[in-house]
N, C-alpha and C. Protein backbone atom coordinates (compact mmCIF):
# COMPACT_ATOMS: atom_id res chain seq x y z
N MET A 1 17.18 8.63 -6.98
CA MET A 1 16.54 7.17 -6.86
C MET A 1 15.35 7.37 -7.26
N HIS A 2 15.10 6.37 -7.93
CA HIS A 2 13.65 5.92 -8.04
C HIS A 2 12.87 4.56 -8.33
N ILE A 3 11.53 4.36 -7.79
CA ILE A 3 10.69 3.55 -7.67
C ILE A 3 10.26 3.68 -9.14
N GLY A 4 10.49 2.49 -9.95
CA GLY A 4 9.94 2.36 -11.39
C GLY A 4 10.59 3.67 -11.92
N HIS A 5 9.43 4.33 -12.37
CA HIS A 5 9.71 5.80 -13.13
C HIS A 5 9.57 7.34 -12.32
N ILE A 6 9.12 6.46 -11.10
CA ILE A 6 8.85 7.49 -9.82
C ILE A 6 10.06 8.03 -9.24
N PRO A 7 10.56 9.62 -9.54
CA PRO A 7 11.65 9.69 -8.45
C PRO A 7 11.21 10.01 -7.39
N LEU A 8 12.12 9.78 -6.52
CA LEU A 8 12.34 10.46 -4.95
C LEU A 8 13.45 10.99 -4.31
N ALA A 9 12.77 12.04 -3.85
CA ALA A 9 13.73 13.15 -3.29
C ALA A 9 15.35 12.46 -2.71
N ASN A 10 14.73 11.31 -1.84
CA ASN A 10 15.92 10.90 -1.25
C ASN A 10 15.70 9.40 -0.45
N ARG A 11 16.55 8.82 0.36
CA ARG A 11 16.05 7.84 0.62
C ARG A 11 15.70 7.82 1.99
N LEU A 12 15.01 8.46 2.45
CA LEU A 12 14.05 8.44 3.48
C LEU A 12 12.96 8.10 3.59
N PHE A 13 12.54 7.39 4.15
CA PHE A 13 11.20 6.47 3.62
C PHE A 13 10.51 6.32 5.13
N ALA A 14 9.21 6.42 5.18
CA ALA A 14 8.26 6.52 6.55
C ALA A 14 7.83 5.05 5.87
N ALA A 15 7.73 3.67 6.73
CA ALA A 15 7.24 2.73 6.41
C ALA A 15 5.68 2.89 6.96
N PRO A 16 5.02 1.84 6.11
CA PRO A 16 3.47 1.89 6.34
C PRO A 16 3.27 1.45 7.65
N MET A 17 2.90 1.74 8.72
CA MET A 17 2.23 1.37 9.84
C MET A 17 0.74 1.57 10.23
N ALA A 18 -0.11 0.67 10.28
CA ALA A 18 -1.56 1.00 10.97
C ALA A 18 -1.51 1.60 11.99
N GLY A 19 -2.40 2.84 12.11
CA GLY A 19 -2.96 3.53 13.11
C GLY A 19 -1.89 4.90 13.41
N VAL A 20 -0.72 4.92 12.13
CA VAL A 20 0.23 5.97 12.69
C VAL A 20 0.39 6.49 11.11
N THR A 21 0.80 5.75 9.97
CA THR A 21 1.33 6.82 8.78
C THR A 21 -0.24 6.83 8.06
N ASP A 22 -1.15 8.00 8.94
CA ASP A 22 -2.44 8.59 7.99
C ASP A 22 -2.09 9.42 6.98
N ARG A 23 -3.00 10.27 6.64
CA ARG A 23 -2.26 11.30 5.06
C ARG A 23 -1.81 12.47 6.29
N PRO A 24 -2.47 12.99 7.33
CA PRO A 24 -1.69 13.94 8.03
C PRO A 24 0.16 13.92 8.61
N PHE A 25 0.25 12.30 8.94
CA PHE A 25 1.39 12.30 9.15
C PHE A 25 2.25 12.30 7.78
N ARG A 26 1.68 11.35 6.85
CA ARG A 26 2.44 11.59 5.95
C ARG A 26 2.73 12.58 5.13
N GLN A 27 1.99 13.83 5.67
CA GLN A 27 2.36 15.42 4.81
C GLN A 27 2.96 16.09 6.08
N LEU A 28 3.31 15.51 6.90
CA LEU A 28 4.31 15.78 7.79
C LEU A 28 5.76 15.71 7.66
N CYS A 29 5.76 13.96 7.28
CA CYS A 29 7.01 13.36 7.43
C CYS A 29 7.36 14.04 5.91
N LYS A 30 6.86 14.19 4.74
CA LYS A 30 7.55 14.98 3.77
C LYS A 30 7.94 15.89 4.26
N ARG A 31 7.08 17.14 4.46
CA ARG A 31 7.42 17.99 4.69
C ARG A 31 8.66 18.74 5.51
N LEU A 32 9.23 17.24 6.66
CA LEU A 32 9.88 17.43 7.30
C LEU A 32 11.36 16.57 6.74
N GLY A 33 10.76 16.11 5.19
CA GLY A 33 12.13 15.78 4.59
C GLY A 33 12.13 14.07 4.03
N ALA A 34 11.40 13.17 4.34
CA ALA A 34 11.16 12.38 3.78
C ALA A 34 10.99 12.20 2.43
N GLY A 35 11.17 11.00 1.36
CA GLY A 35 11.34 11.12 0.24
C GLY A 35 10.62 10.06 -0.13
N TYR A 36 9.93 9.37 0.65
CA TYR A 36 8.57 8.44 0.49
C TYR A 36 7.86 8.44 2.03
N ALA A 37 6.34 8.12 1.40
CA ALA A 37 5.71 7.73 2.35
C ALA A 37 4.43 7.46 2.38
N VAL A 38 4.60 5.81 2.99
CA VAL A 38 3.92 4.70 2.64
C VAL A 38 2.32 4.79 3.67
N SER A 39 1.06 4.59 2.78
CA SER A 39 -0.43 5.01 3.43
C SER A 39 -0.32 3.92 4.18
N GLU A 40 -1.16 3.74 5.54
CA GLU A 40 -1.99 2.59 6.04
C GLU A 40 -1.94 1.59 5.10
N MET A 41 -2.01 0.24 5.68
CA MET A 41 -2.43 -0.68 4.28
C MET A 41 -3.83 -0.36 4.37
N VAL A 42 -4.38 -0.99 2.92
CA VAL A 42 -6.01 -0.95 2.83
C VAL A 42 -6.14 -2.46 2.35
N THR A 43 -7.36 -2.60 2.67
CA THR A 43 -7.59 -3.85 2.34
C THR A 43 -8.18 -4.15 0.94
N SER A 44 -7.61 -5.53 0.37
CA SER A 44 -8.23 -5.67 -0.87
C SER A 44 -9.43 -6.08 -1.06
N ARG A 45 -9.97 -6.33 0.17
CA ARG A 45 -11.90 -6.58 0.33
C ARG A 45 -12.84 -5.42 -0.47
N LYS A 46 -12.70 -5.34 -1.50
CA LYS A 46 -13.95 -4.40 -2.22
C LYS A 46 -15.12 -4.32 -1.51
N ASP A 47 -15.75 -5.19 -0.79
CA ASP A 47 -16.68 -4.64 0.28
C ASP A 47 -16.74 -3.53 1.15
N LEU A 48 -15.43 -3.58 1.70
CA LEU A 48 -14.84 -2.62 2.55
C LEU A 48 -14.06 -1.51 2.08
N TRP A 49 -14.39 -1.13 0.93
CA TRP A 49 -13.55 0.05 0.28
C TRP A 49 -14.13 1.07 0.57
N ASN A 50 -15.79 1.04 0.72
CA ASN A 50 -16.53 2.30 1.32
C ASN A 50 -16.89 2.08 2.76
N SER A 51 -16.19 1.98 3.06
CA SER A 51 -15.93 1.76 4.84
C SER A 51 -15.34 3.35 5.10
N LEU A 52 -15.84 3.64 6.35
CA LEU A 52 -15.58 5.03 6.56
C LEU A 52 -13.77 4.74 7.05
N LYS A 53 -12.99 3.92 7.39
CA LYS A 53 -11.95 3.41 7.67
C LYS A 53 -11.07 3.30 6.69
N THR A 54 -11.42 2.62 5.34
CA THR A 54 -10.72 2.60 4.14
C THR A 54 -10.89 3.83 3.35
N SER A 55 -11.65 4.48 3.28
CA SER A 55 -11.89 5.81 2.52
C SER A 55 -10.99 6.68 3.24
N ARG A 56 -10.77 6.91 4.54
CA ARG A 56 -9.94 7.41 4.89
C ARG A 56 -8.24 7.26 4.31
N ARG A 57 -8.16 5.89 4.89
CA ARG A 57 -6.70 5.72 3.99
C ARG A 57 -6.42 5.78 3.03
N ALA A 58 -7.55 5.86 2.10
CA ALA A 58 -7.38 5.86 0.46
C ALA A 58 -7.43 7.51 0.24
N ASN A 59 -7.45 8.23 1.01
CA ASN A 59 -7.60 9.87 0.91
C ASN A 59 -6.27 10.27 0.67
N HIS A 60 -6.05 10.65 -0.87
CA HIS A 60 -4.82 11.43 -0.80
C HIS A 60 -4.82 13.00 -0.98
N ASP A 61 -5.86 13.56 -0.70
CA ASP A 61 -6.09 15.28 -1.48
C ASP A 61 -5.12 15.98 -0.26
N GLY A 62 -4.29 16.79 -1.59
CA GLY A 62 -3.60 17.93 -0.86
C GLY A 62 -1.72 17.09 -0.47
N GLU A 63 -1.94 15.56 -0.85
CA GLU A 63 -0.39 15.24 -0.52
C GLU A 63 0.40 15.47 -1.60
N VAL A 64 1.98 15.28 -1.53
CA VAL A 64 2.67 15.54 -2.16
C VAL A 64 3.16 14.65 -2.90
N ALA A 65 3.58 13.99 -4.06
CA ALA A 65 3.76 13.20 -4.81
C ALA A 65 5.80 12.77 -3.88
N PRO A 66 5.71 11.34 -3.80
CA PRO A 66 5.04 10.54 -4.56
C PRO A 66 3.89 10.09 -3.59
N ILE A 67 2.80 9.26 -4.36
CA ILE A 67 1.66 8.87 -3.45
C ILE A 67 2.04 7.19 -3.23
N ALA A 68 2.16 6.87 -2.25
CA ALA A 68 1.92 5.45 -2.26
C ALA A 68 1.45 4.68 -1.52
N VAL A 69 0.69 3.38 -1.73
CA VAL A 69 -0.58 2.97 -1.11
C VAL A 69 0.15 1.31 -0.68
N GLN A 70 -0.19 1.01 0.52
CA GLN A 70 0.15 -0.42 0.52
C GLN A 70 -1.10 -1.13 0.86
N ILE A 71 -1.09 -2.09 -0.45
CA ILE A 71 -2.30 -3.51 0.16
C ILE A 71 -2.27 -4.50 0.56
N ALA A 72 -3.23 -4.99 1.15
CA ALA A 72 -3.14 -6.16 2.20
C ALA A 72 -4.37 -7.24 1.30
N GLY A 73 -3.94 -8.25 1.28
CA GLY A 73 -5.25 -9.22 1.20
C GLY A 73 -4.18 -10.92 0.78
N THR A 74 -4.62 -11.60 0.22
CA THR A 74 -4.02 -13.14 0.28
C THR A 74 -4.96 -13.44 -1.34
N GLU A 75 -6.01 -13.10 -2.05
CA GLU A 75 -6.36 -13.37 -3.08
C GLU A 75 -5.84 -12.21 -4.55
N PRO A 76 -4.84 -13.08 -5.79
CA PRO A 76 -4.03 -12.43 -6.54
C PRO A 76 -5.42 -11.38 -7.22
N ALA A 77 -6.32 -11.97 -8.02
CA ALA A 77 -7.08 -11.20 -8.65
C ALA A 77 -7.67 -10.27 -7.55
N MET A 78 -8.20 -10.25 -6.80
CA MET A 78 -8.50 -9.48 -5.27
C MET A 78 -7.55 -7.89 -5.15
N MET A 79 -6.43 -8.69 -4.86
CA MET A 79 -5.27 -7.37 -4.77
C MET A 79 -4.67 -6.83 -6.11
N ALA A 80 -5.09 -7.16 -7.70
CA ALA A 80 -4.90 -6.67 -8.42
C ALA A 80 -6.35 -5.94 -8.38
N GLU A 81 -7.20 -5.87 -8.41
CA GLU A 81 -8.24 -4.97 -8.34
C GLU A 81 -8.30 -3.99 -7.05
N ALA A 82 -7.58 -4.05 -6.16
CA ALA A 82 -7.23 -3.09 -5.12
C ALA A 82 -6.24 -2.40 -5.67
N ALA A 83 -4.99 -2.68 -6.47
CA ALA A 83 -3.92 -2.07 -6.98
C ALA A 83 -4.80 -0.97 -8.05
N ALA A 84 -5.42 -1.20 -9.11
CA ALA A 84 -6.32 -0.58 -9.76
C ALA A 84 -7.04 0.55 -9.30
N TYR A 85 -7.84 0.02 -8.08
CA TYR A 85 -8.79 0.98 -7.62
C TYR A 85 -8.12 1.78 -7.24
N ASN A 86 -6.54 2.12 -6.63
CA ASN A 86 -6.07 2.59 -5.96
C ASN A 86 -5.03 3.77 -6.59
N ILE A 87 -4.50 3.00 -7.80
CA ILE A 87 -4.57 3.86 -9.09
C ILE A 87 -5.28 4.51 -9.83
N GLU A 88 -6.31 4.39 -9.54
CA GLU A 88 -7.63 5.37 -9.85
C GLU A 88 -7.36 6.85 -9.10
N ARG A 89 -7.47 6.44 -7.43
CA ARG A 89 -7.67 7.47 -6.72
C ARG A 89 -6.38 8.19 -6.49
N GLY A 90 -5.16 7.85 -7.34
CA GLY A 90 -4.14 8.97 -7.04
C GLY A 90 -2.81 7.92 -6.79
N ALA A 91 -2.91 7.01 -6.29
CA ALA A 91 -1.66 6.42 -6.25
C ALA A 91 -0.56 6.15 -7.41
N GLN A 92 0.64 6.44 -7.05
CA GLN A 92 1.50 6.25 -8.14
C GLN A 92 2.26 5.08 -7.89
N ILE A 93 2.50 4.49 -6.69
CA ILE A 93 3.12 3.32 -6.34
C ILE A 93 2.57 2.56 -5.32
N ILE A 94 2.22 1.38 -5.99
CA ILE A 94 1.64 0.44 -4.68
C ILE A 94 2.41 -0.94 -4.14
N ASP A 95 2.63 -0.85 -2.89
CA ASP A 95 3.38 -1.59 -2.19
C ASP A 95 1.98 -2.82 -1.75
N ILE A 96 3.17 -4.10 -1.88
CA ILE A 96 2.28 -5.00 -1.27
C ILE A 96 2.58 -5.44 0.44
N ASN A 97 1.94 -5.26 0.85
CA ASN A 97 1.97 -5.78 2.30
C ASN A 97 2.43 -7.52 2.33
N MET A 98 3.74 -7.68 2.77
CA MET A 98 4.27 -8.83 2.90
C MET A 98 5.10 -8.83 4.41
N GLY A 99 4.98 -7.81 4.97
CA GLY A 99 6.15 -7.87 6.14
C GLY A 99 5.43 -7.55 7.52
N CYS A 100 3.99 -7.29 7.49
CA CYS A 100 3.34 -6.79 8.64
C CYS A 100 3.23 -8.60 9.28
N PRO A 101 3.63 -8.37 10.81
CA PRO A 101 3.82 -9.45 11.71
C PRO A 101 2.37 -9.57 12.38
N ALA A 102 1.79 -8.21 12.48
CA ALA A 102 0.66 -8.55 13.10
C ALA A 102 -0.10 -9.91 13.56
N LYS A 103 -0.75 -10.29 14.39
CA LYS A 103 -1.48 -11.37 14.60
C LYS A 103 -2.48 -11.62 13.75
N LYS A 104 -3.34 -10.17 13.59
CA LYS A 104 -4.51 -10.09 13.08
C LYS A 104 -4.40 -10.17 11.67
N VAL A 105 -3.28 -9.62 11.11
CA VAL A 105 -3.06 -9.66 9.74
C VAL A 105 -2.66 -11.35 9.25
N CYS A 106 -1.78 -11.78 10.32
CA CYS A 106 -1.20 -12.85 9.74
C CYS A 106 -2.28 -14.28 9.94
N THR A 107 -3.17 -14.09 10.87
CA THR A 107 -3.98 -15.30 11.08
C THR A 107 -5.22 -15.43 9.64
N LYS A 108 -5.19 -14.38 8.72
CA LYS A 108 -5.69 -14.24 7.27
C LYS A 108 -4.68 -14.85 6.34
N TRP A 109 -3.49 -15.48 6.83
CA TRP A 109 -2.57 -15.63 5.86
C TRP A 109 -2.07 -14.60 5.13
N ALA A 110 -2.14 -12.89 5.33
CA ALA A 110 -1.64 -11.69 4.81
C ALA A 110 -0.32 -11.27 5.26
N GLY A 111 0.30 -10.33 5.13
CA GLY A 111 1.02 -9.51 5.74
C GLY A 111 2.50 -10.93 5.67
N SER A 112 3.01 -11.23 6.55
CA SER A 112 4.20 -11.62 6.53
C SER A 112 4.18 -13.39 6.50
N ALA A 113 2.88 -13.55 6.53
CA ALA A 113 2.61 -15.18 6.39
C ALA A 113 2.38 -15.14 5.12
N LEU A 114 2.32 -14.18 4.15
CA LEU A 114 2.56 -14.79 3.12
C LEU A 114 3.82 -15.38 2.32
N MET A 115 4.77 -14.89 3.39
CA MET A 115 5.95 -15.49 3.25
C MET A 115 6.14 -16.90 2.99
N GLN A 116 5.24 -17.73 3.91
CA GLN A 116 5.60 -19.35 3.87
C GLN A 116 4.80 -19.70 2.91
N ASP A 117 4.01 -19.12 1.62
CA ASP A 117 3.68 -19.34 0.62
C ASP A 117 3.77 -18.80 -0.51
N GLU A 118 5.13 -19.07 -1.46
CA GLU A 118 5.93 -18.31 -2.20
C GLU A 118 5.31 -18.47 -3.73
N PRO A 119 4.34 -19.66 -3.73
CA PRO A 119 4.25 -19.47 -5.31
C PRO A 119 2.55 -18.24 -4.89
N LEU A 120 1.95 -18.31 -3.77
CA LEU A 120 1.18 -17.61 -3.94
C LEU A 120 1.64 -15.87 -3.76
N ALA A 121 2.52 -15.90 -3.22
CA ALA A 121 3.29 -14.28 -2.92
C ALA A 121 3.47 -14.13 -4.64
N LEU A 122 4.22 -14.86 -5.36
CA LEU A 122 4.89 -14.99 -6.84
C LEU A 122 3.42 -14.40 -7.72
N ALA A 123 2.79 -14.97 -6.99
CA ALA A 123 0.90 -15.23 -8.23
C ALA A 123 0.45 -13.38 -7.65
N ILE A 124 0.52 -12.95 -6.47
CA ILE A 124 -0.14 -11.83 -6.20
C ILE A 124 1.06 -10.74 -6.62
N ILE A 125 2.37 -10.63 -6.53
CA ILE A 125 2.76 -9.99 -6.80
C ILE A 125 2.91 -9.75 -9.20
N GLU A 126 2.52 -10.88 -9.54
CA GLU A 126 2.35 -10.97 -10.81
C GLU A 126 1.07 -10.13 -11.12
N ALA A 127 -0.14 -10.32 -10.38
CA ALA A 127 -1.03 -9.75 -10.79
C ALA A 127 -1.49 -8.33 -10.71
N VAL A 128 -0.80 -7.98 -9.04
CA VAL A 128 -0.73 -6.26 -8.67
C VAL A 128 0.43 -6.03 -10.01
N VAL A 129 1.38 -6.36 -10.75
CA VAL A 129 2.28 -5.71 -11.54
C VAL A 129 1.39 -5.70 -12.81
N ALA A 130 0.55 -6.43 -13.37
CA ALA A 130 0.18 -6.78 -14.59
C ALA A 130 -0.80 -5.32 -14.44
N ALA A 131 -1.61 -5.52 -13.23
CA ALA A 131 -2.63 -4.27 -13.19
C ALA A 131 -2.24 -3.13 -12.79
N CYS A 132 -1.11 -2.71 -12.82
CA CYS A 132 -0.30 -1.22 -12.47
C CYS A 132 -0.02 -1.02 -13.84
N GLU A 133 -0.09 -1.98 -15.01
CA GLU A 133 1.03 -1.73 -16.44
C GLU A 133 -0.07 -1.12 -17.34
């Protein structure tokens, strides 16, 4: 199985979960057989990238490939920049958060709330894909 050109060992995935899928948890999941484990969501807001919380979420030191990062936001250009930033920091796969139902995420029109605006969701996907190529 592959995501793009990145091979996955199997179809056992550890989904991104804020407060759960930190680096030690992802490493444990992979050690126990997961073929894919995604980071906690990383904000697309550049002004928060140097915060302790975000820098911990974007730390992949010692992590076994594939390294997958979930990004969250609502502005296509910011999401593209966040994708490029995370690739520079070692991410091989970028996951766009369009499924989180948490109220604090959805009130900002991110996560699953993006599904209410299909043109915006498409613009984000296109911008992120272009930034990753």
